[in-house]
Amino acid sequence: MLGFGKRDVPENVRKAGLSKWYDNLSEKDQIKLKRYADKADPSSASAFVVSVMYQAIEDHNYKFVASVYDSLAAVKLNDIERFDINDAAILGVYNAEEYDRCLELCDIGLELLKKKEVFDHVMARGTPDIPIPNDINCRNYKLNVVVGIHFDYDEGDRLLLQFKDMGLITAEDVEYRRNGIKTFRLQRTFDNIFNVKEKE
């Protein structure tokens, strides 16, 4: 391309170095993106995309989040940037009730967390009071889907132990969450009993 049409590229898209990516978006997605571009963080490509995704999530525009994620396949990003974008996209696909897709993205995030630079990047968001951040979406929503959607309680227990081994959850929190799963399981059992209706 010789650059024709670049006048329509939002300023923050250009600042983030994403003009070529923007040109390859569908016209529909370009229009949607312009709703969020002015308030997006242009300091880097990943910061821009993540801030757009979170704006779209607040706007309940979940399908757009998934579309943006899919459009980034050819964009050069490092592992940390990929993780941040992937973790934001998880919220979109979960709220769009695309649970199988959500699990796929969770698995991508958990695999990236096995890399030291990504793990250290995530843990740097912790505080002295809460050293392991609460907002690790690939961890949280994997458990949400497995237990809350698929009702696979045994897999939920296995995941908690896996997360502990990965350093993504404390031993104390494992016990707290396992008790929560037990309570949820019992509650669902009781609900099923009391929801039985007589045949008409």
C-alpha atoms as a PDB file:
ATOM      1  CA  MET A   1       0.000   0.000   0.000  1.00  0.00           C
ATOM      2  CA  LEU A   2       1.124   3.552  -0.762  1.00  0.00           C
ATOM      3  CA  GLY A   3      -0.668   5.075   2.192  1.00  0.00           C
ATOM      4  CA  PHE A   4      -3.848   6.231   0.460  1.00  0.00           C
ATOM      5  CA  GLY A   5      -6.757   6.416   2.877  1.00  0.00           C
ATOM      6  CA  LYS A   6      -4.550   6.903   5.922  1.00  0.00           C
ATOM      7  CA  ARG A   7      -6.297  10.184   6.657  1.00  0.00           C
ATOM      8  CA  ASP A   8      -9.162   8.144   8.115  1.00  0.00           C
ATOM      9  CA  VAL A   9      -6.914   6.265  10.553  1.00  0.00           C
ATOM     10  CA  PRO A  10      -7.601   7.530  14.110  1.00  0.00           C
ATOM     11  CA  GLU A  11      -4.684   9.422  15.626  1.00  0.00           C
ATOM     12  CA  ASN A  12      -4.209   7.006  18.548  1.00  0.00           C
ATOM     13  CA  VAL A  13      -4.125   4.069  16.133  1.00  0.00           C
ATOM     14  CA  ARG A  14      -1.234   5.724  14.293  1.00  0.00           C
ATOM     15  CA  LYS A  15       0.551   6.543  17.561  1.00  0.00           C
ATOM     16  CA  ALA A  16       0.263   2.897  18.627  1.00  0.00           C
ATOM     17  CA  GLY A  17       1.816   1.779  15.335  1.00  0.00           C
ATOM     18  CA  LEU A  18      -1.316  -0.049  14.231  1.00  0.00           C
ATOM     19  CA  SER A  19      -2.238   1.745  10.999  1.00  0.00           C
ATOM     20  CA  LYS A  20      -1.682  -1.349   8.848  1.00  0.00           C
ATOM     21  CA  TRP A  21      -3.726  -3.472  11.248  1.00  0.00           C
ATOM     22  CA  TYR A  22      -6.517  -0.891  11.165  1.00  0.00           C
ATOM     23  CA  ASP A  23      -6.551  -0.908   7.351  1.00  0.00           C
ATOM     24  CA  ASN A  24      -7.126  -4.662   7.399  1.00  0.00           C
ATOM     25  CA  LEU A  25     -10.145  -4.473   9.724  1.00  0.00           C
ATOM     26  CA  SER A  26     -13.610  -4.778   8.248  1.00  0.00           C
ATOM     27  CA  GLU A  27     -15.419  -1.498   7.712  1.00  0.00           C
ATOM     28  CA  LYS A  28     -17.852  -2.493  10.470  1.00  0.00           C
ATOM     29  CA  ASP A  29     -15.025  -3.042  12.972  1.00  0.00           C
ATOM     30  CA  GLN A  30     -13.317   0.203  11.938  1.00  0.00           C
ATOM     31  CA  ILE A  31     -16.504   2.090  12.750  1.00  0.00           C
ATOM     32  CA  LYS A  32     -16.777   0.347  16.124  1.00  0.00           C
ATOM     33  CA  LEU A  33     -13.122   0.970  16.911  1.00  0.00           C
ATOM     34  CA  LYS A  34     -13.520   4.713  16.355  1.00  0.00           C
ATOM     35  CA  ARG A  35     -15.925   4.761  19.316  1.00  0.00           C
ATOM     36  CA  TYR A  36     -13.074   3.753  21.623  1.00  0.00           C
ATOM     37  CA  ALA A  37      -9.893   4.963  19.928  1.00  0.00           C
ATOM     38  CA  ASP A  38      -9.835   8.485  21.382  1.00  0.00           C
ATOM     39  CA  LYS A  39      -9.803   7.190  24.968  1.00  0.00           C
ATOM     40  CA  ALA A  40      -7.424   4.297  24.272  1.00  0.00           C
ATOM     41  CA  ASP A  41      -3.811   4.191  25.497  1.00  0.00           C
ATOM     42  CA  PRO A  42      -1.526   4.777  22.461  1.00  0.00           C
ATOM     43  CA  SER A  43       1.749   4.092  24.299  1.00  0.00           C
ATOM     44  CA  SER A  44       2.124   0.704  22.595  1.00  0.00           C
ATOM     45  CA  ALA A  45       0.177  -1.640  20.341  1.00  0.00           C
ATOM     46  CA  SER A  46      -0.779  -3.940  23.204  1.00  0.00           C
ATOM     47  CA  ALA A  47      -1.723  -1.088  25.562  1.00  0.00           C
ATOM     48  CA  PHE A  48      -3.976   0.343  22.859  1.00  0.00           C
ATOM     49  CA  VAL A  49      -5.691  -2.970  22.128  1.00  0.00           C
ATOM     50  CA  VAL A  50      -6.190  -3.855  25.790  1.00  0.00           C
ATOM     51  CA  SER A  51      -7.688  -0.453  26.580  1.00  0.00           C
ATOM     52  CA  VAL A  52     -10.011  -0.736  23.567  1.00  0.00           C
ATOM     53  CA  MET A  53     -11.090  -4.194  24.704  1.00  0.00           C
ATOM     54  CA  TYR A  54     -11.892  -3.033  28.225  1.00  0.00           C
ATOM     55  CA  GLN A  55     -13.904  -0.102  26.905  1.00  0.00           C
ATOM     56  CA  ALA A  56     -15.848  -2.467  24.654  1.00  0.00           C
ATOM     57  CA  ILE A  57     -16.448  -4.843  27.575  1.00  0.00           C
ATOM     58  CA  GLU A  58     -17.837  -1.974  29.682  1.00  0.00           C
ATOM     59  CA  ASP A  59     -20.055  -1.210  26.692  1.00  0.00           C
ATOM     60  CA  HIS A  60     -21.218  -4.880  26.567  1.00  0.00           C
ATOM     61  CA  ASN A  61     -19.778  -5.051  23.050  1.00  0.00           C
ATOM     62  CA  TYR A  62     -18.422  -8.568  23.584  1.00  0.00           C
ATOM     63  CA  LYS A  63     -18.521  -9.777  19.976  1.00  0.00           C
ATOM     64  CA  PHE A  64     -16.309  -6.862  18.987  1.00  0.00           C
ATOM     65  CA  VAL A  65     -13.730  -7.908  21.589  1.00  0.00           C
ATOM     66  CA  ALA A  66     -13.527 -11.368  20.027  1.00  0.00           C
ATOM     67  CA  SER A  67     -13.276  -9.858  16.549  1.00  0.00           C
ATOM     68  CA  VAL A  68     -10.396  -7.585  17.586  1.00  0.00           C
ATOM     69  CA  TYR A  69      -8.597 -10.532  19.174  1.00  0.00           C
ATOM     70  CA  ASP A  70      -8.913 -12.589  15.992  1.00  0.00           C
ATOM     71  CA  SER A  71      -7.644  -9.693  13.871  1.00  0.00           C
ATOM     72  CA  LEU A  72      -4.303  -9.605  15.723  1.00  0.00           C
ATOM     73  CA  ALA A  73      -2.945 -12.948  14.495  1.00  0.00           C
ATOM     74  CA  ALA A  74      -0.509 -11.281  12.069  1.00  0.00           C
ATOM     75  CA  VAL A  75       0.531  -8.454  14.412  1.00  0.00           C
ATOM     76  CA  LYS A  76       3.995  -8.883  15.887  1.00  0.00           C
ATOM     77  CA  LEU A  77       3.714  -9.024  19.681  1.00  0.00           C
ATOM     78  CA  ASN A  78       5.969 -10.380  22.397  1.00  0.00           C
ATOM     79  CA  ASP A  79       4.773 -12.961  24.919  1.00  0.00           C
ATOM     80  CA  ILE A  80       3.905 -10.402  27.597  1.00  0.00           C
ATOM     81  CA  GLU A  81       1.867  -8.337  25.143  1.00  0.00           C
ATOM     82  CA  ARG A  82       0.140 -11.487  23.867  1.00  0.00           C
ATOM     83  CA  PHE A  83      -0.720 -12.476  27.424  1.00  0.00           C
ATOM     84  CA  ASP A  84      -2.223  -9.087  28.308  1.00  0.00           C
ATOM     85  CA  ILE A  85      -4.357  -9.017  25.155  1.00  0.00           C
ATOM     86  CA  ASN A  86      -5.411 -12.640  25.613  1.00  0.00           C
ATOM     87  CA  ASP A  87      -6.365 -12.040  29.253  1.00  0.00           C
ATOM     88  CA  ALA A  88      -8.538  -9.069  28.299  1.00  0.00           C
ATOM     89  CA  ALA A  89     -10.214 -11.026  25.494  1.00  0.00           C
ATOM     90  CA  ILE A  90     -11.196 -13.767  27.952  1.00  0.00           C
ATOM     91  CA  LEU A  91     -13.666 -11.368  29.593  1.00  0.00           C
ATOM     92  CA  GLY A  92     -15.273 -10.656  26.234  1.00  0.00           C
ATOM     93  CA  VAL A  93     -15.754 -14.243  25.102  1.00  0.00           C
ATOM     94  CA  TYR A  94     -16.957 -15.330  28.556  1.00  0.00           C
ATOM     95  CA  ASN A  95     -19.597 -12.620  28.671  1.00  0.00           C
ATOM     96  CA  ALA A  96     -20.585 -13.510  25.111  1.00  0.00           C
ATOM     97  CA  GLU A  97     -21.233 -17.004  26.530  1.00  0.00           C
ATOM     98  CA  GLU A  98     -18.715 -18.549  24.142  1.00  0.00           C
ATOM     99  CA  TYR A  99     -17.515 -20.924  26.825  1.00  0.00           C
ATOM    100  CA  ASP A 100     -15.507 -23.337  24.681  1.00  0.00           C
ATOM    101  CA  ARG A 101     -13.660 -20.397  23.162  1.00  0.00           C
ATOM    102  CA  CYS A 102     -13.136 -18.998  26.635  1.00  0.00           C
ATOM    103  CA  LEU A 103     -11.456 -22.239  27.723  1.00  0.00           C
ATOM    104  CA  GLU A 104      -9.202 -22.101  24.658  1.00  0.00           C
ATOM    105  CA  LEU A 105      -8.049 -18.588  25.542  1.00  0.00           C
ATOM    106  CA  CYS A 106      -7.593 -19.573  29.184  1.00  0.00           C
ATOM    107  CA  ASP A 107      -5.332 -22.436  28.115  1.00  0.00           C
ATOM    108  CA  ILE A 108      -3.288 -20.053  25.947  1.00  0.00           C
ATOM    109  CA  GLY A 109      -2.854 -17.706  28.910  1.00  0.00           C
ATOM    110  CA  LEU A 110      -1.914 -20.478  31.323  1.00  0.00           C
ATOM    111  CA  GLU A 111       0.651 -21.776  28.840  1.00  0.00           C
ATOM    112  CA  LEU A 112       2.177 -18.295  28.505  1.00  0.00           C
ATOM    113  CA  LEU A 113       2.356 -18.043  32.307  1.00  0.00           C
ATOM    114  CA  LYS A 114       4.834 -20.909  32.297  1.00  0.00           C
ATOM    115  CA  LYS A 115       7.355 -18.451  30.827  1.00  0.00           C
ATOM    116  CA  LYS A 116       9.270 -16.632  33.543  1.00  0.00           C
ATOM    117  CA  GLU A 117       9.045 -13.183  31.971  1.00  0.00           C
ATOM    118  CA  VAL A 118       5.261 -13.451  31.667  1.00  0.00           C
ATOM    119  CA  PHE A 119       4.850 -14.858  35.183  1.00  0.00           C
ATOM    120  CA  ASP A 120       7.033 -12.089  36.663  1.00  0.00           C
ATOM    121  CA  HIS A 121       5.076  -9.476  34.697  1.00  0.00           C
ATOM    122  CA  VAL A 122       1.780 -10.705  36.146  1.00  0.00           C
ATOM    123  CA  MET A 123       3.069 -11.079  39.692  1.00  0.00           C
ATOM    124  CA  ALA A 124       4.391  -7.511  39.582  1.00  0.00           C
ATOM    125  CA  ARG A 125       0.749  -6.401  39.789  1.00  0.00           C
ATOM    126  CA  GLY A 126       0.522  -7.869  43.290  1.00  0.00           C
ATOM    127  CA  THR A 127       0.768  -5.905  46.530  1.00  0.00           C
ATOM    128  CA  PRO A 128       2.335  -6.665  49.917  1.00  0.00           C
ATOM    129  CA  ASP A 129      -1.135  -7.541  51.220  1.00  0.00           C
ATOM    130  CA  ILE A 130      -2.160  -9.509  48.112  1.00  0.00           C
ATOM    131  CA  PRO A 131       1.066 -10.812  46.510  1.00  0.00           C
ATOM    132  CA  ILE A 132      -0.813 -12.936  43.958  1.00  0.00           C
ATOM    133  CA  PRO A 133      -3.099 -10.660  41.911  1.00  0.00           C
ATOM    134  CA  ASN A 134      -6.830 -11.375  41.981  1.00  0.00           C
ATOM    135  CA  ASP A 135      -7.385 -10.372  38.359  1.00  0.00           C
ATOM    136  CA  ILE A 136      -5.683 -13.215  36.462  1.00  0.00           C
ATOM    137  CA  ASN A 137      -8.456 -13.939  33.997  1.00  0.00           C
ATOM    138  CA  CYS A 138      -7.050 -17.130  32.498  1.00  0.00           C
ATOM    139  CA  ARG A 139      -6.965 -18.661  35.977  1.00  0.00           C
ATOM    140  CA  ASN A 140     -10.273 -17.264  37.218  1.00  0.00           C
ATOM    141  CA  TYR A 141     -12.414 -17.924  34.169  1.00  0.00           C
ATOM    142  CA  LYS A 142     -11.046 -21.395  33.525  1.00  0.00           C
ATOM    143  CA  LEU A 143     -12.380 -22.263  36.966  1.00  0.00           C
ATOM    144  CA  ASN A 144     -15.610 -20.335  36.389  1.00  0.00           C
ATOM    145  CA  VAL A 145     -16.391 -22.283  33.220  1.00  0.00           C
ATOM    146  CA  VAL A 146     -15.320 -25.688  34.509  1.00  0.00           C
ATOM    147  CA  VAL A 147     -17.248 -25.419  37.792  1.00  0.00           C
ATOM    148  CA  GLY A 148     -19.957 -22.827  37.152  1.00  0.00           C
ATOM    149  CA  ILE A 149     -20.908 -23.788  33.596  1.00  0.00           C
ATOM    150  CA  HIS A 150     -19.875 -27.423  33.140  1.00  0.00           C
ATOM    151  CA  PHE A 151     -20.362 -28.432  36.791  1.00  0.00           C
ATOM    152  CA  ASP A 152     -17.171 -30.519  36.659  1.00  0.00           C
ATOM    153  CA  TYR A 153     -16.280 -30.336  40.351  1.00  0.00           C
ATOM    154  CA  ASP A 154     -13.485 -32.919  40.239  1.00  0.00           C
ATOM    155  CA  GLU A 155     -11.784 -30.989  37.449  1.00  0.00           C
ATOM    156  CA  GLY A 156     -12.221 -27.835  39.508  1.00  0.00           C
ATOM    157  CA  ASP A 157     -10.325 -29.450  42.385  1.00  0.00           C
ATOM    158  CA  ARG A 158      -7.602 -30.587  39.997  1.00  0.00           C
ATOM    159  CA  LEU A 159      -7.263 -27.104  38.557  1.00  0.00           C
ATOM    160  CA  LEU A 160      -6.870 -25.557  42.004  1.00  0.00           C
ATOM    161  CA  LEU A 161      -3.967 -27.891  42.747  1.00  0.00           C
ATOM    162  CA  GLN A 162      -2.455 -27.131  39.336  1.00  0.00           C
ATOM    163  CA  PHE A 163      -2.710 -23.398  39.983  1.00  0.00           C
ATOM    164  CA  LYS A 164      -1.043 -23.846  43.373  1.00  0.00           C
ATOM    165  CA  ASP A 165       1.838 -25.751  41.749  1.00  0.00           C
ATOM    166  CA  MET A 166       2.173 -22.942  39.199  1.00  0.00           C
ATOM    167  CA  GLY A 167       2.344 -20.308  41.957  1.00  0.00           C
ATOM    168  CA  LEU A 168      -0.961 -18.767  40.874  1.00  0.00           C
ATOM    169  CA  ILE A 169      -2.801 -19.368  44.138  1.00  0.00           C
ATOM    170  CA  THR A 170      -1.862 -19.898  47.781  1.00  0.00           C
ATOM    171  CA  ALA A 171      -2.457 -23.133  49.693  1.00  0.00           C
ATOM    172  CA  GLU A 172      -4.880 -21.264  51.959  1.00  0.00           C
ATOM    173  CA  ASP A 173      -6.845 -19.986  49.006  1.00  0.00           C
ATOM    174  CA  VAL A 174      -6.990 -23.498  47.541  1.00  0.00           C
ATOM    175  CA  GLU A 175      -8.771 -24.750  50.657  1.00  0.00           C
ATOM    176  CA  TYR A 176     -11.106 -21.752  50.692  1.00  0.00           C
ATOM    177  CA  ARG A 177     -12.052 -22.264  47.053  1.00  0.00           C
ATOM    178  CA  ARG A 178     -12.403 -26.034  47.422  1.00  0.00           C
ATOM    179  CA  ASN A 179     -14.862 -25.439  50.238  1.00  0.00           C
ATOM    180  CA  GLY A 180     -16.669 -23.008  47.971  1.00  0.00           C
ATOM    181  CA  ILE A 181     -16.924 -25.673  45.277  1.00  0.00           C
ATOM    182  CA  LYS A 182     -18.327 -28.145  47.828  1.00  0.00           C
ATOM    183  CA  THR A 183     -20.932 -25.613  48.931  1.00  0.00           C
ATOM    184  CA  PHE A 184     -21.864 -24.828  45.322  1.00  0.00           C
ATOM    185  CA  ARG A 185     -22.151 -28.544  44.565  1.00  0.00           C
ATOM    186  CA  LEU A 186     -24.423 -29.164  47.550  1.00  0.00           C
ATOM    187  CA  GLN A 187     -26.552 -26.118  46.748  1.00  0.00           C
ATOM    188  CA  ARG A 188     -27.024 -27.282  43.176  1.00  0.00           C
ATOM    189  CA  THR A 189     -27.984 -30.763  44.386  1.00  0.00           C
ATOM    190  CA  PHE A 190     -30.631 -29.292  46.696  1.00  0.00           C
ATOM    191  CA  ASP A 191     -31.874 -26.966  43.940  1.00  0.00           C
ATOM    192  CA  ASN A 192     -32.301 -29.920  41.584  1.00  0.00           C
ATOM    193  CA  ILE A 193     -34.273 -31.812  44.229  1.00  0.00           C
ATOM    194  CA  PHE A 194     -36.653 -28.930  44.914  1.00  0.00           C
ATOM    195  CA  ASN A 195     -37.023 -28.046  41.230  1.00  0.00           C
ATOM    196  CA  VAL A 196     -38.517 -31.449  40.368  1.00  0.00           C
ATOM    197  CA  LYS A 197     -42.052 -30.866  39.120  1.00  0.00           C
ATOM    198  CA  GLU A 198     -44.907 -33.314  39.023  1.00  0.00           C
ATOM    199  CA  LYS A 199     -45.902 -34.536  35.594  1.00  0.00           C
ATOM    200  CA  GLU A 200     -49.002 -32.851  34.323  1.00  0.00           C
END
